[in-house]
Amino acid sequence: MRVKQQYASIQRVIRSLGPGILMATAAIGGSHLVAATQAGANYGWQLALLILAVNIFKYPFFRAAVSYTVSSGQSLQQGYARMGRGYLVAALGVNCIAAVVNAAALLMFSASLLGYFLPVALPIPILSALVLASILFILLAGHFSAMNKIAKLIMFVLVVSTLVAATAAAVNGPVAPASFKSESPWSLVAIGFLVVTMGWMPAPIEISAITSLWLKRQKQTQSVTPTSALFDFNLGYITTMLLALVFLALGALVLHGSGQVLASGGIGFSQQLVDLYANTIGEWSRWLIAIIAFLCIFGSALTVYDGYCRAITEAFSLLKGSADIPQKQFSGVLTVVAIISFTIVLFFKSALLAMLGFAMTLAFITTPLFAWLNHRLVKMSSLDETLKGGRWLVVLSYVGLVYLFGFLAVFLWWKFI
């Protein structure tokens, strides 16, 4: 009897998972497979504290999605509208730009990984068209529940396989010789790389508005309590933070000091990414890892197309005085974002790392705006006691704002002065 009760309890917990895991699926894309791995490959363990710090300092602003939506029953963008029409318009403008850029980056990455499986070499535009057609089919069919289930499965398999690879790499020891001396990332020359590393770590902050939409939608179909919503969010967020360190470890142990230069092209980089796992876990895992990597990035692309387009549609509706997200308008926005993002892929062609770097830099520049919006909205709102978080969360929020605006000022000074 007790076993049945425990099993039923576990099932309830799994069913309650949703927006937090979807956020994690959207996050563990370019920021982890690319940025964190590159950080380890280029600088060893030196950026571990930076990755940990940026995840911690962004925490209050991502958590705002849960705190505000569960307490008020409204999405973050409805909250922006309450603050003033100008705030919502600013968020909409940034979301429109971020939607097409981030979607294009993940579309190109997904297409590059898809090319790994095919017996014949196809150009990136054709591969991207195949991936985009699949995404549009899933989203236009309205399969949100299927996307939710797929995200949970992808996350579970990715976590297990990545931990196995990192453990194997740790057992084998670093490939870098004891005499190898890496460059320091703490110089003006490396600021651009630091910005790229932090831009999508763990994800662009505007994803918080998307998370609140997913949470609001989840509340329409099942019971969501402040405790269950916070557990779901914390599980997804902590998982993304720890996995970022694990990917950094893989780069530091397997690539750092090896003399191997990461390819800038999509197919070449995807090959190196799969080799990273296969060389540590074993050759038997090559195709399994390739499938997992593709599903991970495909899942990120799927959630990004869905989330950004819902956020944009909601913002347009709010500006018209409604909080609905009509399927027809969503389909229209999705179609426009798909066309523009595909056009961007045609422009960048196979320059995957350049595309990802551009998207991450843009995300870094817009991060302080959304961080401040979420901070101000939470501060002026009445929150559920379970979700307030105490003085430590308030302090962390202010420190996070200083960190984000301060680093942005340094970057702008480095870039333009």
Protein backbone atom coordinates (compact mmCIF):
# COMPACT_ATOMS: atom_id res chain seq x y z
CA MET A 1 0.00 0.00 0.00
CA ARG A 2 2.78 2.39 0.95
CA VAL A 3 4.63 1.61 -2.32
CA LYS A 4 1.48 2.43 -4.31
CA GLN A 5 1.05 5.70 -2.43
CA GLN A 6 4.68 6.66 -3.06
CA TYR A 7 4.32 5.76 -6.75
CA ALA A 8 1.16 7.85 -7.01
CA SER A 9 2.94 10.73 -5.28
CA ILE A 10 5.83 10.54 -7.77
CA GLN A 11 3.35 10.51 -10.65
CA ARG A 12 1.67 13.65 -9.31
CA VAL A 13 5.04 15.41 -9.06
CA ILE A 14 5.96 14.45 -12.64
CA ARG A 15 2.57 15.62 -13.94
CA SER A 16 3.00 18.95 -12.15
CA LEU A 17 6.28 19.55 -13.98
CA GLY A 18 5.83 21.70 -17.06
CA PRO A 19 6.86 25.35 -17.53
CA GLY A 20 10.08 24.94 -15.53
CA ILE A 21 11.17 21.96 -17.59
CA LEU A 22 10.15 23.68 -20.82
CA MET A 23 12.29 26.65 -19.79
CA ALA A 24 15.20 24.30 -19.12
CA THR A 25 14.72 22.69 -22.53
CA ALA A 26 14.80 26.11 -24.18
CA ALA A 27 17.89 27.05 -22.13
CA ILE A 28 20.05 23.97 -22.70
CA GLY A 29 20.82 24.78 -26.30
CA GLY A 30 23.43 27.21 -27.48
CA SER A 31 24.31 28.38 -23.98
CA HIS A 32 25.31 24.90 -22.81
CA LEU A 33 26.27 22.81 -25.82
CA VAL A 34 28.18 25.72 -27.36
CA ALA A 35 29.04 28.54 -24.93
CA ALA A 36 29.83 26.46 -21.83
CA THR A 37 31.75 23.86 -23.86
CA GLN A 38 33.71 26.61 -25.61
CA ALA A 39 34.48 28.25 -22.27
CA GLY A 40 35.98 25.01 -21.00
CA ALA A 41 37.83 24.34 -24.26
CA ASN A 42 39.40 27.81 -24.41
CA TYR A 43 40.06 28.59 -20.75
CA GLY A 44 39.77 25.35 -18.78
CA TRP A 45 38.11 25.85 -15.40
CA GLN A 46 38.74 29.61 -15.20
CA LEU A 47 35.17 30.63 -16.14
CA ALA A 48 33.40 28.25 -13.77
CA LEU A 49 32.74 31.02 -11.22
CA LEU A 50 31.52 33.40 -13.93
CA ILE A 51 29.00 30.83 -15.21
CA LEU A 52 27.86 30.11 -11.67
CA ALA A 53 27.59 33.84 -10.87
CA VAL A 54 25.53 34.80 -13.94
CA ASN A 55 23.10 31.95 -13.24
CA ILE A 56 22.70 33.02 -9.61
CA PHE A 57 22.34 36.75 -10.38
CA LYS A 58 19.67 36.10 -13.04
CA TYR A 59 17.66 33.81 -10.74
CA PRO A 60 15.32 36.47 -9.22
CA PHE A 61 14.32 37.76 -12.65
CA PHE A 62 13.42 34.32 -13.99
CA ARG A 63 11.64 33.45 -10.75
CA ALA A 64 9.45 36.54 -11.22
CA ALA A 65 7.46 34.55 -13.79
CA VAL A 66 6.35 32.09 -11.11
CA SER A 67 5.97 34.62 -8.30
CA TYR A 68 3.81 37.02 -10.29
CA THR A 69 1.76 34.60 -12.42
CA VAL A 70 0.82 32.24 -9.60
CA SER A 71 0.03 35.12 -7.23
CA SER A 72 -1.99 37.23 -9.67
CA GLY A 73 -3.21 34.71 -12.26
CA GLN A 74 -1.79 37.03 -14.94
CA SER A 75 1.19 36.74 -17.25
CA LEU A 76 4.24 38.97 -16.90
CA GLN A 77 3.23 40.93 -19.98
CA GLN A 78 -0.16 41.67 -18.43
CA GLY A 79 1.86 43.00 -15.52
CA TYR A 80 3.95 45.17 -17.85
CA ALA A 81 0.71 46.57 -19.27
CA ARG A 82 -0.44 47.43 -15.73
CA MET A 83 2.81 49.32 -15.21
CA GLY A 84 2.16 51.37 -18.34
CA ARG A 85 1.66 50.94 -22.06
CA GLY A 86 5.24 52.06 -22.77
CA TYR A 87 6.70 49.16 -20.78
CA LEU A 88 4.70 46.65 -22.78
CA VAL A 89 5.68 48.28 -26.09
CA ALA A 90 9.37 48.15 -25.07
CA ALA A 91 9.08 44.45 -24.19
CA LEU A 92 7.26 43.75 -27.46
CA GLY A 93 9.95 45.50 -29.50
CA VAL A 94 12.75 43.50 -27.91
CA ASN A 95 10.78 40.27 -28.21
CA CYS A 96 10.20 40.81 -31.93
CA ILE A 97 13.93 41.18 -32.53
CA ALA A 98 14.95 38.38 -30.17
CA ALA A 99 12.35 36.01 -31.61
CA VAL A 100 13.73 35.99 -35.14
CA VAL A 101 17.41 36.07 -34.11
CA ASN A 102 17.22 33.35 -31.45
CA ALA A 103 14.91 31.19 -33.56
CA ALA A 104 17.29 31.49 -36.54
CA ALA A 105 20.29 30.50 -34.41
CA LEU A 106 18.60 27.39 -33.02
CA LEU A 107 17.14 26.53 -36.42
CA MET A 108 20.61 26.57 -37.97
CA PHE A 109 22.02 24.51 -35.08
CA SER A 110 19.23 21.93 -35.40
CA ALA A 111 19.78 21.73 -39.15
CA SER A 112 23.53 21.21 -38.63
CA LEU A 113 22.90 18.30 -36.27
CA LEU A 114 20.34 16.82 -38.65
CA GLY A 115 22.97 16.84 -41.39
CA TYR A 116 25.10 14.52 -39.25
CA PHE A 117 22.62 11.66 -39.79
CA LEU A 118 22.14 11.90 -43.52
CA PRO A 119 24.14 9.73 -45.93
CA VAL A 120 24.36 12.58 -48.44
CA ALA A 121 25.54 16.11 -47.77
CA LEU A 122 22.75 18.65 -48.01
CA PRO A 123 23.20 22.43 -47.74
CA ILE A 124 22.13 24.14 -44.53
CA PRO A 125 19.15 25.94 -46.16
CA ILE A 126 17.55 22.63 -47.18
CA LEU A 127 18.21 21.06 -43.77
CA SER A 128 16.80 24.17 -42.09
CA ALA A 129 13.68 23.98 -44.24
CA LEU A 130 13.11 20.36 -43.14
CA VAL A 131 13.51 21.24 -39.45
CA LEU A 132 11.31 24.32 -39.75
CA ALA A 133 8.57 22.35 -41.50
CA SER A 134 8.55 19.87 -38.59
CA ILE A 135 8.34 22.67 -36.03
CA LEU A 136 5.49 24.38 -37.84
CA PHE A 137 3.58 21.11 -38.16
CA ILE A 138 3.82 20.43 -34.41
CA LEU A 139 2.94 23.98 -33.32
CA LEU A 140 0.17 24.66 -35.82
CA ALA A 141 -1.43 21.35 -34.86
CA GLY A 142 -1.58 22.70 -31.31
CA HIS A 143 0.30 19.82 -29.72
CA PHE A 144 1.34 21.67 -26.53
CA SER A 145 0.86 18.60 -24.34
CA ALA A 146 3.02 16.53 -26.68
CA MET A 147 5.73 19.22 -26.56
CA ASN A 148 5.55 19.15 -22.76
CA LYS A 149 6.05 15.37 -22.64
CA ILE A 150 8.84 15.42 -25.22
CA ALA A 151 10.66 18.12 -23.22
CA LYS A 152 10.63 15.97 -20.05
CA LEU A 153 11.99 12.94 -21.91
CA ILE A 154 14.72 14.94 -23.67
CA MET A 155 15.80 16.54 -20.40
CA PHE A 156 16.01 13.20 -18.58
CA VAL A 157 18.06 11.49 -21.30
CA LEU A 158 20.32 14.50 -21.80
CA VAL A 159 21.07 14.83 -18.08
CA VAL A 160 21.95 11.13 -17.74
CA SER A 161 24.13 10.99 -20.88
CA THR A 162 25.96 14.22 -20.05
CA LEU A 163 26.71 13.09 -16.50
CA VAL A 164 28.00 9.75 -17.84
CA ALA A 165 30.24 11.55 -20.34
CA ALA A 166 31.57 13.96 -17.70
CA THR A 167 32.26 11.10 -15.27
CA ALA A 168 34.14 9.17 -17.96
CA ALA A 169 36.14 12.27 -18.85
CA ALA A 170 37.02 12.86 -15.19
CA VAL A 171 38.16 9.25 -14.80
CA ASN A 172 40.34 9.52 -17.92
CA GLY A 173 41.77 12.83 -16.75
CA PRO A 174 42.42 16.01 -18.74
CA VAL A 175 44.02 15.71 -22.17
CA ALA A 176 46.08 18.86 -21.61
CA PRO A 177 49.70 18.12 -20.63
CA ALA A 178 50.79 19.23 -17.17
CA SER A 179 53.00 21.92 -18.74
CA PHE A 180 50.13 23.46 -20.73
CA LYS A 181 49.36 27.05 -19.81
CA SER A 182 46.04 28.50 -21.03
CA GLU A 183 45.29 32.12 -21.78
CA SER A 184 43.57 34.28 -19.18
CA PRO A 185 39.94 35.27 -19.87
CA TRP A 186 40.29 38.27 -17.54
CA SER A 187 41.52 40.75 -20.13
CA LEU A 188 39.98 43.35 -22.41
CA VAL A 189 40.56 41.11 -25.41
CA ALA A 190 38.28 38.43 -23.95
CA ILE A 191 35.33 40.69 -23.05
CA GLY A 192 33.50 39.77 -26.26
CA PHE A 193 33.76 36.08 -25.43
CA LEU A 194 32.60 36.65 -21.86
CA VAL A 195 29.53 38.49 -23.16
CA VAL A 196 28.72 35.64 -25.55
CA THR A 197 29.10 33.14 -22.69
CA MET A 198 26.72 35.07 -20.44
CA GLY A 199 24.15 36.08 -23.08
CA TRP A 200 22.17 32.83 -23.12
CA MET A 201 23.25 31.65 -19.67
CA PRO A 202 21.00 30.02 -18.65
CA ALA A 203 18.69 31.63 -21.24
CA PRO A 204 17.66 35.11 -22.44
CA ILE A 205 15.67 36.72 -19.60
CA GLU A 206 12.71 37.41 -21.89
CA ILE A 207 12.12 33.65 -21.65
CA SER A 208 10.66 34.50 -18.22
CA ALA A 209 7.65 36.13 -19.94
CA ILE A 210 7.26 32.97 -22.00
CA THR A 211 7.50 30.80 -18.87
CA SER A 212 4.69 32.79 -17.29
CA LEU A 213 2.52 32.13 -20.37
CA TRP A 214 3.21 28.40 -20.17
CA LEU A 215 2.41 28.49 -16.45
CA LYS A 216 -0.84 30.38 -17.05
CA ARG A 217 -1.78 27.81 -19.68
CA GLN A 218 -0.92 24.93 -17.34
CA LYS A 219 -3.23 26.40 -14.67
CA GLN A 220 -6.12 26.13 -17.12
CA THR A 221 -5.81 22.34 -17.36
CA GLN A 222 -4.57 21.21 -13.93
CA SER A 223 -4.21 22.28 -10.33
CA VAL A 224 -1.10 24.39 -9.76
CA THR A 225 -0.14 25.44 -6.25
CA PRO A 226 2.54 27.98 -5.28
CA THR A 227 4.63 25.11 -3.88
CA SER A 228 4.35 22.90 -6.99
CA ALA A 229 5.03 25.82 -9.36
CA LEU A 230 8.11 26.90 -7.39
CA PHE A 231 9.37 23.30 -7.21
CA ASP A 232 8.98 22.92 -10.99
CA PHE A 233 10.81 26.19 -11.64
CA ASN A 234 13.65 25.51 -9.17
CA LEU A 235 14.16 22.00 -10.51
CA GLY A 236 14.45 23.26 -14.08
CA TYR A 237 16.63 26.23 -13.15
CA ILE A 238 19.04 24.34 -10.90
CA THR A 239 19.34 21.60 -13.51
CA THR A 240 20.31 24.11 -16.19
CA MET A 241 22.86 25.75 -13.88
CA LEU A 242 24.52 22.47 -12.91
CA LEU A 243 24.52 21.19 -16.49
CA ALA A 244 26.27 24.39 -17.59
CA LEU A 245 29.12 23.50 -15.23
CA VAL A 246 29.11 19.91 -16.48
CA PHE A 247 29.42 21.05 -20.10
CA LEU A 248 32.24 23.39 -19.06
CA ALA A 249 33.91 20.39 -17.42
CA LEU A 250 33.62 18.38 -20.65
CA GLY A 251 35.27 21.19 -22.60
CA ALA A 252 37.99 21.59 -19.97
CA LEU A 253 38.77 17.87 -19.72
CA VAL A 254 38.47 16.77 -23.35
CA LEU A 255 39.19 19.82 -25.53
CA HIS A 256 41.30 22.20 -23.41
CA GLY A 257 44.94 21.94 -24.43
CA SER A 258 44.24 19.34 -27.11
CA GLY A 259 45.17 21.67 -29.95
CA GLN A 260 41.80 21.05 -31.58
CA VAL A 261 40.21 24.21 -33.01
CA LEU A 262 36.43 24.34 -32.91
CA ALA A 263 34.93 24.56 -36.38
CA SER A 264 32.83 27.62 -37.19
CA GLY A 265 30.65 25.80 -39.71
CA GLY A 266 27.52 24.01 -38.54
CA ILE A 267 28.23 20.48 -39.80
CA GLY A 268 31.86 20.59 -38.67
CA PHE A 269 30.98 21.83 -35.20
CA SER A 270 28.22 19.23 -34.85
CA GLN A 271 30.74 16.52 -35.73
CA GLN A 272 33.10 17.79 -33.02
CA LEU A 273 30.25 17.95 -30.51
CA VAL A 274 29.31 14.31 -31.09
CA ASP A 275 33.00 13.29 -31.03
CA LEU A 276 33.32 14.96 -27.63
CA TYR A 277 30.84 12.49 -26.16
CA ALA A 278 31.83 9.44 -28.21
CA ASN A 279 35.50 9.81 -27.30
CA THR A 280 34.69 9.88 -23.58
CA ILE A 281 31.77 7.45 -23.23
CA GLY A 282 32.80 5.10 -26.02
CA GLU A 283 32.35 4.67 -29.75
CA TRP A 284 29.18 2.64 -29.15
CA SER A 285 27.43 5.82 -27.99
CA ARG A 286 28.10 7.92 -31.09
CA TRP A 287 24.68 7.62 -32.74
CA LEU A 288 22.83 7.72 -29.44
CA ILE A 289 24.54 10.98 -28.51
CA ALA A 290 23.95 12.43 -31.97
CA ILE A 291 20.23 11.74 -31.61
CA ILE A 292 20.13 13.20 -28.10
CA ALA A 293 22.02 16.34 -29.17
CA PHE A 294 19.66 16.84 -32.10
CA LEU A 295 16.57 16.32 -29.93
CA CYS A 296 17.95 18.76 -27.36
CA ILE A 297 18.48 21.57 -29.86
CA PHE A 298 15.30 20.71 -31.74
CA GLY A 299 13.44 20.90 -28.43
CA SER A 300 15.02 24.31 -27.76
CA ALA A 301 14.02 25.54 -31.21
CA LEU A 302 10.50 24.19 -30.78
CA THR A 303 9.97 25.90 -27.42
CA VAL A 304 11.53 29.16 -28.64
CA TYR A 305 9.30 29.37 -31.73
CA ASP A 306 6.25 28.56 -29.60
CA GLY A 307 7.11 30.81 -26.67
CA TYR A 308 8.24 33.95 -28.47
CA CYS A 309 5.31 33.83 -30.89
CA ARG A 310 2.83 33.43 -28.01
CA ALA A 311 4.44 36.34 -26.17
CA ILE A 312 4.30 38.56 -29.26
CA THR A 313 0.68 37.60 -29.97
CA GLU A 314 -0.29 38.27 -26.36
CA ALA A 315 1.40 41.68 -26.42
CA PHE A 316 -0.50 42.71 -29.56
CA SER A 317 -3.75 41.54 -27.94
CA LEU A 318 -3.01 43.46 -24.74
CA LEU A 319 -2.37 46.63 -26.74
CA LYS A 320 -5.87 46.14 -28.18
CA GLY A 321 -7.36 45.66 -24.71
CA SER A 322 -7.59 41.84 -24.63
CA ALA A 323 -5.53 39.18 -22.82
CA ASP A 324 -6.39 36.35 -25.23
CA ILE A 325 -4.00 34.59 -27.59
CA PRO A 326 -6.21 33.67 -30.58
CA GLN A 327 -4.94 30.67 -32.54
CA LYS A 328 -5.37 32.52 -35.85
CA GLN A 329 -3.20 35.45 -34.73
CA PHE A 330 -0.66 33.08 -33.18
CA SER A 331 -0.43 31.19 -36.48
CA GLY A 332 0.10 34.46 -38.33
CA VAL A 333 2.88 35.61 -36.01
CA LEU A 334 4.48 32.14 -36.15
CA THR A 335 4.46 32.24 -39.95
CA VAL A 336 6.09 35.70 -40.05
CA VAL A 337 8.77 34.70 -37.50
CA ALA A 338 9.42 31.48 -39.44
CA ILE A 339 9.91 33.36 -42.73
CA ILE A 340 12.22 36.00 -41.24
CA SER A 341 14.28 33.50 -39.22
CA PHE A 342 14.70 31.28 -42.29
CA THR A 343 15.84 34.33 -44.28
CA ILE A 344 18.47 35.03 -41.60
CA VAL A 345 19.70 31.44 -41.92
CA LEU A 346 20.07 31.97 -45.68
CA PHE A 347 22.18 35.05 -44.94
CA PHE A 348 24.51 33.39 -42.43
CA LYS A 349 24.54 30.10 -44.41
CA SER A 350 26.87 27.72 -42.53
CA ALA A 351 28.52 30.21 -40.13
CA LEU A 352 26.90 28.62 -37.06
CA LEU A 353 29.20 29.99 -34.36
CA ALA A 354 28.98 33.51 -35.81
CA MET A 355 25.16 33.28 -35.80
CA LEU A 356 25.06 31.95 -32.24
CA GLY A 357 27.56 34.57 -31.08
CA PHE A 358 25.43 37.36 -32.56
CA ALA A 359 22.27 35.99 -30.90
CA MET A 360 23.96 35.63 -27.50
CA THR A 361 25.45 39.13 -27.65
CA LEU A 362 22.03 40.60 -28.48
CA ALA A 363 20.52 38.68 -25.56
CA PHE A 364 23.19 40.05 -23.22
CA ILE A 365 22.47 43.65 -24.29
CA THR A 366 18.71 43.32 -23.74
CA THR A 367 18.99 41.34 -20.48
CA PRO A 368 19.15 44.36 -18.09
CA LEU A 369 15.90 45.78 -19.54
CA PHE A 370 13.87 42.65 -18.79
CA ALA A 371 15.63 42.18 -15.46
CA TRP A 372 14.57 45.68 -14.40
CA LEU A 373 11.00 45.19 -15.69
CA ASN A 374 10.60 41.95 -13.71
CA HIS A 375 12.22 43.45 -10.61
CA ARG A 376 9.91 46.48 -10.68
CA LEU A 377 6.79 44.40 -11.35
CA VAL A 378 7.46 42.00 -8.47
CA LYS A 379 8.30 44.89 -6.14
CA MET A 380 4.98 46.65 -6.78
CA SER A 381 2.81 43.50 -6.68
CA SER A 382 1.19 41.59 -3.85
CA LEU A 383 2.71 38.11 -3.84
CA ASP A 384 1.74 34.83 -2.24
CA GLU A 385 3.67 34.28 1.01
CA THR A 386 5.19 31.05 -0.35
CA LEU A 387 6.66 32.92 -3.31
CA LYS A 388 8.01 36.08 -1.68
CA GLY A 389 11.38 34.50 -0.93
CA GLY A 390 12.41 36.78 1.92
CA ARG A 391 15.03 39.50 2.20
CA TRP A 392 17.74 37.36 0.57
CA LEU A 393 15.82 37.38 -2.74
CA VAL A 394 15.38 41.16 -2.62
CA VAL A 395 19.11 41.66 -1.97
CA LEU A 396 20.02 39.20 -4.74
CA SER A 397 17.73 41.07 -7.12
CA TYR A 398 19.44 44.40 -6.47
CA VAL A 399 22.92 42.84 -6.69
CA GLY A 400 21.87 41.17 -9.94
CA LEU A 401 20.77 44.50 -11.43
CA VAL A 402 24.11 46.11 -10.50
CA TYR A 403 25.98 43.16 -12.01
CA LEU A 404 24.00 43.14 -15.29
CA PHE A 405 23.97 46.91 -15.86
CA GLY A 406 27.62 47.17 -14.75
CA PHE A 407 28.85 44.49 -17.14
CA LEU A 408 26.75 46.00 -19.94
CA ALA A 409 28.44 49.37 -19.36
CA VAL A 410 31.87 47.69 -19.51
CA PHE A 411 30.93 45.92 -22.74
CA LEU A 412 29.62 49.10 -24.40
CA TRP A 413 32.77 50.95 -23.34
CA TRP A 414 34.95 48.16 -24.76
CA LYS A 415 32.96 47.99 -28.00
CA PHE A 416 32.51 51.65 -28.88
CA ILE A 417 35.03 53.75 -26.94
